[in-house]
Structures are given as C-alpha cells and as structure tokens.
C-alpha cells in the first residue's frame, strides 16, 4: 500500500514533467522558459498539478488518516510555572 500523499508509478508516468528534463530542474532548454522565468509560471506545470489533484485518492488513504486523527492526543504535563 502507498503512504498518504504518494503518487503511483502509473500516475507519475502520465505526467508531462518537462520541468525535470528541459525546465528549471533540467537543462534549461525549454523555449517557454524565457517567457515564464520559472516552470511554476507555465501552463504545462499547472496542468500537471491540476491533473494530480483531480486523481482519485489511493485505496486506503482515508482509512490511514482516519486512524491517525482518531487517536487520543498525547498530552504533556502542563503544570509548569514560570
């Protein structure tokens, strides 16, 4: 099972991650880089982010977080005075 927030290999392969190849994390050969200065300002980058956010949650994701937040909060001794 994947941890919450992890992207599956299938989802990663569908993303055009040009920023890693020809963008700011790559060889800087992207022709749009002059116009956008940084990949985060480009529509390709934002489309990839939107695509990832639109993906359904991985199996078990909600259960992991439900279990996490359902646990009793660990309280520290607060009987401290200054």
N, C-alpha and C. Protein backbone atom coordinates (compact mmCIF):
# COMPACT_ATOMS: atom_id res chain seq x y z
N UNK A 1 0.84 -1.18 0.00
CA UNK A 1 0.00 0.00 0.00
C UNK A 1 0.89 1.25 0.00
N UNK A 2 0.48 2.25 -0.73
CA UNK A 2 1.21 3.52 -0.76
C UNK A 2 0.90 4.32 0.49
N UNK A 3 1.84 5.13 0.88
CA UNK A 3 1.61 6.04 2.00
C UNK A 3 0.76 7.20 1.52
N UNK A 4 0.03 7.85 2.43
CA UNK A 4 -0.77 9.00 2.02
C UNK A 4 0.10 10.05 1.34
N UNK A 5 -0.40 10.57 0.25
CA UNK A 5 0.32 11.61 -0.47
C UNK A 5 1.25 11.09 -1.54
N UNK A 6 1.52 9.79 -1.56
CA UNK A 6 2.40 9.22 -2.58
C UNK A 6 1.63 9.08 -3.88
N UNK A 7 2.34 9.28 -4.96
CA UNK A 7 1.76 9.12 -6.28
C UNK A 7 2.18 7.77 -6.83
N UNK A 8 1.26 7.05 -7.45
CA UNK A 8 1.60 5.76 -8.02
C UNK A 8 2.47 5.94 -9.25
N UNK A 9 3.18 4.89 -9.64
CA UNK A 9 4.04 4.96 -10.82
C UNK A 9 3.22 5.23 -12.07
N UNK A 10 2.00 4.69 -12.16
CA UNK A 10 1.14 4.93 -13.33
C UNK A 10 0.78 6.41 -13.44
N UNK A 11 0.44 7.03 -12.33
CA UNK A 11 0.07 8.45 -12.34
C UNK A 11 1.28 9.30 -12.68
N UNK A 12 2.45 8.91 -12.18
CA UNK A 12 3.67 9.67 -12.48
C UNK A 12 4.02 9.60 -13.95
N UNK A 13 3.84 8.44 -14.56
CA UNK A 13 4.21 8.28 -15.97
C UNK A 13 3.29 9.06 -16.89
N UNK A 14 2.08 9.39 -16.45
CA UNK A 14 1.13 10.13 -17.28
C UNK A 14 1.39 11.63 -17.22
N UNK A 15 2.24 12.08 -16.31
CA UNK A 15 2.51 13.50 -16.14
C UNK A 15 3.64 13.92 -17.08
N UNK A 16 3.43 15.04 -17.77
CA UNK A 16 4.48 15.61 -18.59
C UNK A 16 5.34 16.46 -17.66
N UNK A 17 6.39 15.86 -17.11
CA UNK A 17 7.25 16.58 -16.16
C UNK A 17 8.44 17.21 -16.88
N UNK A 18 8.13 18.04 -17.85
CA UNK A 18 9.17 18.68 -18.65
C UNK A 18 10.09 19.56 -17.80
N UNK A 19 9.61 20.05 -16.67
CA UNK A 19 10.46 20.88 -15.80
C UNK A 19 11.67 20.11 -15.29
N UNK A 20 11.54 18.77 -15.21
CA UNK A 20 12.67 17.94 -14.78
C UNK A 20 13.64 17.64 -15.92
N UNK A 21 13.21 17.85 -17.14
CA UNK A 21 14.03 17.50 -18.31
C UNK A 21 14.59 18.73 -19.00
N UNK A 22 13.70 19.67 -19.34
CA UNK A 22 14.14 20.84 -20.11
C UNK A 22 13.87 22.15 -19.37
N UNK A 23 13.32 22.05 -18.18
CA UNK A 23 12.97 23.25 -17.41
C UNK A 23 14.01 23.58 -16.36
N UNK A 24 13.56 24.20 -15.28
CA UNK A 24 14.47 24.69 -14.25
C UNK A 24 15.22 23.57 -13.53
N UNK A 25 14.67 22.38 -13.50
CA UNK A 25 15.36 21.25 -12.88
C UNK A 25 16.07 20.38 -13.91
N UNK A 26 16.00 20.80 -15.16
CA UNK A 26 16.65 20.07 -16.24
C UNK A 26 17.77 20.88 -16.86
N UNK A 27 17.83 20.84 -18.18
CA UNK A 27 18.94 21.51 -18.87
C UNK A 27 18.62 22.95 -19.30
N UNK A 28 17.47 23.48 -18.93
CA UNK A 28 17.06 24.87 -19.22
C UNK A 28 16.89 25.15 -20.72
N UNK A 29 16.62 24.11 -21.50
CA UNK A 29 16.48 24.31 -22.94
C UNK A 29 15.04 24.59 -23.38
N UNK A 30 14.10 24.66 -22.47
CA UNK A 30 12.70 24.89 -22.82
C UNK A 30 12.54 26.28 -23.46
N UNK A 31 11.88 26.35 -24.61
CA UNK A 31 11.70 27.64 -25.27
C UNK A 31 10.75 28.57 -24.50
N UNK A 32 9.92 28.02 -23.63
CA UNK A 32 8.98 28.85 -22.86
C UNK A 32 9.62 29.41 -21.58
N UNK A 33 10.79 28.95 -21.24
CA UNK A 33 11.42 29.37 -20.00
C UNK A 33 11.76 30.87 -20.00
N UNK A 34 12.15 31.40 -21.14
CA UNK A 34 12.43 32.84 -21.22
C UNK A 34 11.19 33.67 -20.91
N UNK A 35 10.07 33.21 -21.41
CA UNK A 35 8.80 33.93 -21.21
C UNK A 35 8.30 33.79 -19.77
N UNK A 36 8.40 32.60 -19.20
CA UNK A 36 7.80 32.32 -17.89
C UNK A 36 8.76 32.46 -16.72
N UNK A 37 10.05 32.57 -16.98
CA UNK A 37 11.10 32.71 -15.97
C UNK A 37 11.27 31.44 -15.13
N UNK A 38 10.19 30.85 -14.66
CA UNK A 38 10.24 29.63 -13.86
C UNK A 38 9.10 28.72 -14.30
N UNK A 39 9.32 27.43 -14.22
CA UNK A 39 8.31 26.46 -14.67
C UNK A 39 6.99 26.60 -13.92
N UNK A 40 7.02 27.01 -12.68
CA UNK A 40 5.78 27.12 -11.91
C UNK A 40 4.83 28.18 -12.49
N UNK A 41 5.33 29.03 -13.38
CA UNK A 41 4.50 30.05 -14.03
C UNK A 41 3.93 29.58 -15.36
N UNK A 42 4.24 28.37 -15.76
CA UNK A 42 3.85 27.84 -17.07
C UNK A 42 2.56 27.03 -16.98
N UNK A 43 1.77 27.06 -18.03
CA UNK A 43 0.51 26.32 -18.06
C UNK A 43 0.72 24.81 -18.07
N UNK A 44 1.85 24.32 -18.58
CA UNK A 44 2.13 22.88 -18.56
C UNK A 44 2.29 22.41 -17.11
N UNK A 45 3.00 23.18 -16.33
CA UNK A 45 3.23 22.85 -14.92
C UNK A 45 1.92 22.87 -14.14
N UNK A 46 1.11 23.91 -14.34
CA UNK A 46 -0.15 23.99 -13.61
C UNK A 46 -1.14 22.92 -14.06
N UNK A 47 -1.09 22.54 -15.33
CA UNK A 47 -1.96 21.46 -15.81
C UNK A 47 -1.57 20.13 -15.17
N UNK A 48 -0.29 19.91 -14.98
CA UNK A 48 0.16 18.69 -14.31
C UNK A 48 -0.31 18.66 -12.87
N UNK A 49 -0.23 19.79 -12.18
CA UNK A 49 -0.70 19.87 -10.79
C UNK A 49 -2.21 19.61 -10.71
N UNK A 50 -2.95 20.23 -11.61
CA UNK A 50 -4.40 20.03 -11.64
C UNK A 50 -4.74 18.57 -11.90
N UNK A 51 -4.02 17.95 -12.82
CA UNK A 51 -4.25 16.54 -13.13
C UNK A 51 -3.99 15.65 -11.93
N UNK A 52 -2.94 15.94 -11.17
CA UNK A 52 -2.65 15.15 -9.97
C UNK A 52 -3.73 15.34 -8.92
N UNK A 53 -4.20 16.57 -8.75
CA UNK A 53 -5.23 16.83 -7.73
C UNK A 53 -6.58 16.26 -8.11
N UNK A 54 -6.82 16.06 -9.41
CA UNK A 54 -8.08 15.50 -9.87
C UNK A 54 -8.12 13.98 -9.81
N UNK A 55 -6.97 13.35 -9.57
CA UNK A 55 -6.91 11.89 -9.49
C UNK A 55 -7.69 11.40 -8.26
N UNK A 56 -8.30 10.22 -8.35
CA UNK A 56 -8.97 9.68 -7.15
C UNK A 56 -7.92 9.33 -6.09
N UNK A 57 -8.36 9.35 -4.85
CA UNK A 57 -7.46 9.03 -3.74
C UNK A 57 -7.05 7.57 -3.83
N UNK A 58 -5.81 7.24 -3.43
CA UNK A 58 -5.37 5.84 -3.43
C UNK A 58 -6.19 5.03 -2.44
N UNK A 59 -6.29 3.74 -2.69
CA UNK A 59 -7.02 2.85 -1.79
C UNK A 59 -6.42 2.92 -0.40
N UNK A 60 -7.25 3.06 0.60
CA UNK A 60 -6.81 3.09 1.98
C UNK A 60 -6.37 4.45 2.49
N UNK A 61 -6.32 5.45 1.63
CA UNK A 61 -5.85 6.78 2.02
C UNK A 61 -6.69 7.36 3.15
N UNK A 62 -8.01 7.33 2.98
CA UNK A 62 -8.88 7.91 4.00
C UNK A 62 -8.80 7.12 5.31
N UNK A 63 -8.67 5.80 5.21
CA UNK A 63 -8.58 4.97 6.42
C UNK A 63 -7.33 5.28 7.23
N UNK A 64 -6.21 5.50 6.53
CA UNK A 64 -4.96 5.82 7.22
C UNK A 64 -5.11 7.11 8.01
N UNK A 65 -5.67 8.12 7.37
CA UNK A 65 -5.81 9.41 8.06
C UNK A 65 -6.90 9.36 9.13
N UNK A 66 -7.96 8.60 8.91
CA UNK A 66 -8.99 8.44 9.92
C UNK A 66 -8.39 7.83 11.18
N UNK A 67 -7.59 6.80 11.01
CA UNK A 67 -6.93 6.16 12.15
C UNK A 67 -5.99 7.14 12.84
N UNK A 68 -5.26 7.89 12.07
CA UNK A 68 -4.31 8.87 12.63
C UNK A 68 -5.03 9.91 13.50
N UNK A 69 -6.08 10.50 12.97
CA UNK A 69 -6.75 11.57 13.69
C UNK A 69 -7.71 11.07 14.77
N UNK A 70 -8.06 9.79 14.74
CA UNK A 70 -8.94 9.23 15.76
C UNK A 70 -8.19 8.88 17.04
N UNK A 71 -6.87 8.85 16.98
CA UNK A 71 -6.09 8.53 18.17
C UNK A 71 -6.19 9.67 19.19
N UNK A 72 -6.17 9.27 20.45
CA UNK A 72 -6.22 10.27 21.52
C UNK A 72 -4.95 11.11 21.47
N UNK A 73 -5.11 12.39 21.69
CA UNK A 73 -3.98 13.30 21.66
C UNK A 73 -3.11 13.06 22.89
N UNK A 74 -1.82 12.95 22.65
CA UNK A 74 -0.87 12.77 23.75
C UNK A 74 -0.65 14.13 24.41
N UNK A 75 -0.98 14.21 25.66
CA UNK A 75 -0.83 15.48 26.37
C UNK A 75 0.43 15.45 27.22
N UNK A 76 1.11 16.56 27.22
CA UNK A 76 2.30 16.69 28.06
C UNK A 76 1.87 17.29 29.41
N UNK A 77 2.69 17.09 30.40
CA UNK A 77 2.43 17.68 31.71
C UNK A 77 2.49 19.19 31.58
N UNK A 78 1.37 19.86 31.82
CA UNK A 78 1.31 21.31 31.65
C UNK A 78 1.34 22.06 32.98
N UNK A 79 1.71 21.37 34.04
CA UNK A 79 1.78 22.01 35.36
C UNK A 79 3.13 22.67 35.54
N UNK A 80 3.46 23.54 34.62
CA UNK A 80 4.73 24.24 34.65
C UNK A 80 4.45 25.71 34.88
N UNK A 81 5.20 26.30 35.76
CA UNK A 81 5.02 27.72 36.05
C UNK A 81 6.32 28.45 35.79
N UNK A 82 6.19 29.67 35.34
CA UNK A 82 7.40 30.45 35.09
C UNK A 82 7.82 31.22 36.31
